[in-house]
Amino acid sequence: MNPLLKKILIAVGILLVIFVAYRMFFASEPEAPLSSETVSGLPVEDGDLLSLLLQLKSLTLSDALLADPTFVTLQDFTVELAPEPVGRRNPFAVIGAAETPVATTTSTTTPATP
């Protein structure tokens, strides 16, 4: 390959890389408007929300699932969690340092009735 042609191809490649980098990092694209209006005067987002609400309004729910024998035979396998002790007052303190435990108390007040 001719050395002059090689230098020209390298220069064109470098210019191409510089152009692409400039377009990606420094060229600003036209900013989109913060809100757009539809013909009806409502913002586009409100129109979408309104159409979703109208779809929900026409929805009907059936209780056939709750009466299904398969649903009725389901069992609850909930596991009760035992309360655990509260941690240290300062978790970053040296372990074994004399420290009073954190006390958790709840108080309720009842308003005075006339």
C-alpha atoms as a PDB file:
ATOM      1  CA  MET A   1       0.000   0.000   0.000  1.00  0.00           C
ATOM      2  CA  ASN A   2       1.256   3.429  -0.917  1.00  0.00           C
ATOM      3  CA  PRO A   3       2.508   5.381   2.177  1.00  0.00           C
ATOM      4  CA  LEU A   4       0.683   8.530   1.023  1.00  0.00           C
ATOM      5  CA  LEU A   5      -2.617   6.637   0.696  1.00  0.00           C
ATOM      6  CA  LYS A   6      -2.047   5.071   4.116  1.00  0.00           C
ATOM      7  CA  LYS A   7      -1.550   8.516   5.707  1.00  0.00           C
ATOM      8  CA  ILE A   8      -4.689   9.860   4.013  1.00  0.00           C
ATOM      9  CA  LEU A   9      -6.797   6.926   5.264  1.00  0.00           C
ATOM     10  CA  ILE A  10      -5.471   7.382   8.811  1.00  0.00           C
ATOM     11  CA  ALA A  11      -6.227  11.128   8.687  1.00  0.00           C
ATOM     12  CA  VAL A  12      -9.765  10.497   7.393  1.00  0.00           C
ATOM     13  CA  GLY A  13     -10.310   7.889  10.141  1.00  0.00           C
ATOM     14  CA  ILE A  14      -9.117  10.274  12.852  1.00  0.00           C
ATOM     15  CA  LEU A  15     -11.342  13.059  11.513  1.00  0.00           C
ATOM     16  CA  LEU A  16     -14.290  10.678  11.434  1.00  0.00           C
ATOM     17  CA  VAL A  17     -13.706   9.653  15.065  1.00  0.00           C
ATOM     18  CA  ILE A  18     -13.411  13.312  16.121  1.00  0.00           C
ATOM     19  CA  PHE A  19     -16.632  14.183  14.268  1.00  0.00           C
ATOM     20  CA  VAL A  20     -18.582  11.321  15.866  1.00  0.00           C
ATOM     21  CA  ALA A  21     -17.254  12.197  19.336  1.00  0.00           C
ATOM     22  CA  TYR A  22     -18.219  15.846  18.840  1.00  0.00           C
ATOM     23  CA  ARG A  23     -21.748  14.918  17.734  1.00  0.00           C
ATOM     24  CA  MET A  24     -22.213  12.578  20.687  1.00  0.00           C
ATOM     25  CA  PHE A  25     -20.895  14.833  23.450  1.00  0.00           C
ATOM     26  CA  PHE A  26     -21.149  18.455  22.374  1.00  0.00           C
ATOM     27  CA  ALA A  27     -23.848  18.848  19.761  1.00  0.00           C
ATOM     28  CA  SER A  28     -27.130  19.770  21.401  1.00  0.00           C
ATOM     29  CA  GLU A  29     -30.347  18.396  20.071  1.00  0.00           C
ATOM     30  CA  PRO A  30     -33.466  20.529  19.995  1.00  0.00           C
ATOM     31  CA  GLU A  31     -35.188  20.321  23.348  1.00  0.00           C
ATOM     32  CA  ALA A  32     -38.628  18.792  23.526  1.00  0.00           C
ATOM     33  CA  PRO A  33     -41.337  20.966  25.018  1.00  0.00           C
ATOM     34  CA  LEU A  34     -42.109  20.347  28.652  1.00  0.00           C
ATOM     35  CA  SER A  35     -45.745  19.721  27.906  1.00  0.00           C
ATOM     36  CA  SER A  36     -47.759  19.334  24.777  1.00  0.00           C
ATOM     37  CA  GLU A  37     -51.375  20.149  24.246  1.00  0.00           C
ATOM     38  CA  THR A  38     -53.912  18.153  22.308  1.00  0.00           C
ATOM     39  CA  VAL A  39     -56.626  19.625  20.158  1.00  0.00           C
ATOM     40  CA  SER A  40     -59.097  19.409  23.042  1.00  0.00           C
ATOM     41  CA  GLY A  41     -56.900  21.611  25.229  1.00  0.00           C
ATOM     42  CA  LEU A  42     -55.941  18.841  27.649  1.00  0.00           C
ATOM     43  CA  PRO A  43     -52.302  17.863  28.002  1.00  0.00           C
ATOM     44  CA  VAL A  44     -51.424  14.569  26.328  1.00  0.00           C
ATOM     45  CA  GLU A  45     -50.768  12.909  29.683  1.00  0.00           C
ATOM     46  CA  ASP A  46     -54.239  13.862  30.939  1.00  0.00           C
ATOM     47  CA  GLY A  47     -55.836  12.472  27.799  1.00  0.00           C
ATOM     48  CA  ASP A  48     -54.077   9.144  28.332  1.00  0.00           C
ATOM     49  CA  LEU A  49     -55.191   9.096  31.960  1.00  0.00           C
ATOM     50  CA  LEU A  50     -58.731   9.974  30.991  1.00  0.00           C
ATOM     51  CA  SER A  51     -58.909   7.131  28.460  1.00  0.00           C
ATOM     52  CA  LEU A  52     -57.578   4.693  31.073  1.00  0.00           C
ATOM     53  CA  LEU A  53     -60.172   5.851  33.580  1.00  0.00           C
ATOM     54  CA  LEU A  54     -62.942   5.379  31.035  1.00  0.00           C
ATOM     55  CA  GLN A  55     -61.691   1.847  30.354  1.00  0.00           C
ATOM     56  CA  LEU A  56     -61.708   1.108  34.089  1.00  0.00           C
ATOM     57  CA  LYS A  57     -65.217   2.483  34.451  1.00  0.00           C
ATOM     58  CA  SER A  58     -66.535  -0.024  31.938  1.00  0.00           C
ATOM     59  CA  LEU A  59     -64.843  -2.927  33.736  1.00  0.00           C
ATOM     60  CA  THR A  60     -67.042  -5.453  35.532  1.00  0.00           C
ATOM     61  CA  LEU A  61     -65.808  -7.862  38.180  1.00  0.00           C
ATOM     62  CA  SER A  62     -67.145 -11.351  38.693  1.00  0.00           C
ATOM     63  CA  ASP A  63     -67.027 -13.217  42.001  1.00  0.00           C
ATOM     64  CA  ALA A  64     -66.959 -16.601  40.244  1.00  0.00           C
ATOM     65  CA  LEU A  65     -63.289 -17.016  41.179  1.00  0.00           C
ATOM     66  CA  LEU A  66     -64.052 -16.750  44.886  1.00  0.00           C
ATOM     67  CA  ALA A  67     -66.785 -19.375  44.608  1.00  0.00           C
ATOM     68  CA  ASP A  68     -64.568 -21.772  42.638  1.00  0.00           C
ATOM     69  CA  PRO A  69     -63.912 -25.039  44.610  1.00  0.00           C
ATOM     70  CA  THR A  70     -60.193 -24.870  43.826  1.00  0.00           C
ATOM     71  CA  PHE A  71     -59.953 -21.412  45.378  1.00  0.00           C
ATOM     72  CA  VAL A  72     -61.937 -22.486  48.435  1.00  0.00           C
ATOM     73  CA  THR A  73     -59.560 -25.424  49.103  1.00  0.00           C
ATOM     74  CA  LEU A  74     -56.460 -23.209  49.214  1.00  0.00           C
ATOM     75  CA  GLN A  75     -54.644 -23.223  52.567  1.00  0.00           C
ATOM     76  CA  ASP A  76     -52.905 -20.369  54.312  1.00  0.00           C
ATOM     77  CA  PHE A  77     -49.272 -21.202  55.102  1.00  0.00           C
ATOM     78  CA  THR A  78     -48.494 -17.933  56.880  1.00  0.00           C
ATOM     79  CA  VAL A  79     -45.575 -18.145  59.310  1.00  0.00           C
ATOM     80  CA  GLU A  80     -45.765 -15.955  62.382  1.00  0.00           C
ATOM     81  CA  LEU A  81     -42.510 -14.112  62.985  1.00  0.00           C
ATOM     82  CA  ALA A  82     -41.339 -13.842  66.565  1.00  0.00           C
ATOM     83  CA  PRO A  83     -40.273 -10.379  67.687  1.00  0.00           C
ATOM     84  CA  GLU A  84     -36.492 -10.043  67.730  1.00  0.00           C
ATOM     85  CA  PRO A  85     -34.494  -7.953  70.201  1.00  0.00           C
ATOM     86  CA  VAL A  86     -33.626  -4.442  69.112  1.00  0.00           C
ATOM     87  CA  GLY A  87     -30.016  -3.832  68.038  1.00  0.00           C
ATOM     88  CA  ARG A  88     -27.340  -1.746  69.664  1.00  0.00           C
ATOM     89  CA  ARG A  89     -27.703   1.971  70.220  1.00  0.00           C
ATOM     90  CA  ASN A  90     -24.503   2.650  68.242  1.00  0.00           C
ATOM     91  CA  PRO A  91     -23.826  -0.126  65.715  1.00  0.00           C
ATOM     92  CA  PHE A  92     -20.341   1.287  65.056  1.00  0.00           C
ATOM     93  CA  ALA A  93     -19.228   1.190  68.691  1.00  0.00           C
ATOM     94  CA  VAL A  94     -16.661  -1.367  69.838  1.00  0.00           C
ATOM     95  CA  ILE A  95     -18.292  -4.697  70.615  1.00  0.00           C
ATOM     96  CA  GLY A  96     -18.366  -5.375  74.341  1.00  0.00           C
ATOM     97  CA  ALA A  97     -18.224  -1.706  75.335  1.00  0.00           C
ATOM     98  CA  ALA A  98     -20.483  -0.847  78.258  1.00  0.00           C
ATOM     99  CA  GLU A  99     -23.702   0.329  76.798  1.00  0.00           C
ATOM    100  CA  THR A 100     -27.278   0.486  77.945  1.00  0.00           C
ATOM    101  CA  PRO A 101     -29.767  -1.428  75.806  1.00  0.00           C
ATOM    102  CA  VAL A 102     -32.185   0.469  73.662  1.00  0.00           C
ATOM    103  CA  ALA A 103     -35.588   0.666  75.277  1.00  0.00           C
ATOM    104  CA  THR A 104     -38.610   0.789  73.085  1.00  0.00           C
ATOM    105  CA  THR A 105     -41.739   2.088  74.716  1.00  0.00           C
ATOM    106  CA  THR A 106     -44.993   3.192  73.286  1.00  0.00           C
ATOM    107  CA  SER A 107     -47.334   5.553  75.019  1.00  0.00           C
ATOM    108  CA  THR A 108     -50.851   6.454  74.164  1.00  0.00           C
ATOM    109  CA  THR A 109     -52.844   9.370  75.399  1.00  0.00           C
ATOM    110  CA  THR A 110     -56.569   9.618  75.454  1.00  0.00           C
ATOM    111  CA  PRO A 111     -58.148  13.004  74.937  1.00  0.00           C
ATOM    112  CA  ALA A 112     -60.143  14.370  77.826  1.00  0.00           C
ATOM    113  CA  THR A 113     -63.875  14.223  77.267  1.00  0.00           C
ATOM    114  CA  PRO A 114     -65.996  17.097  78.620  1.00  0.00           C
END
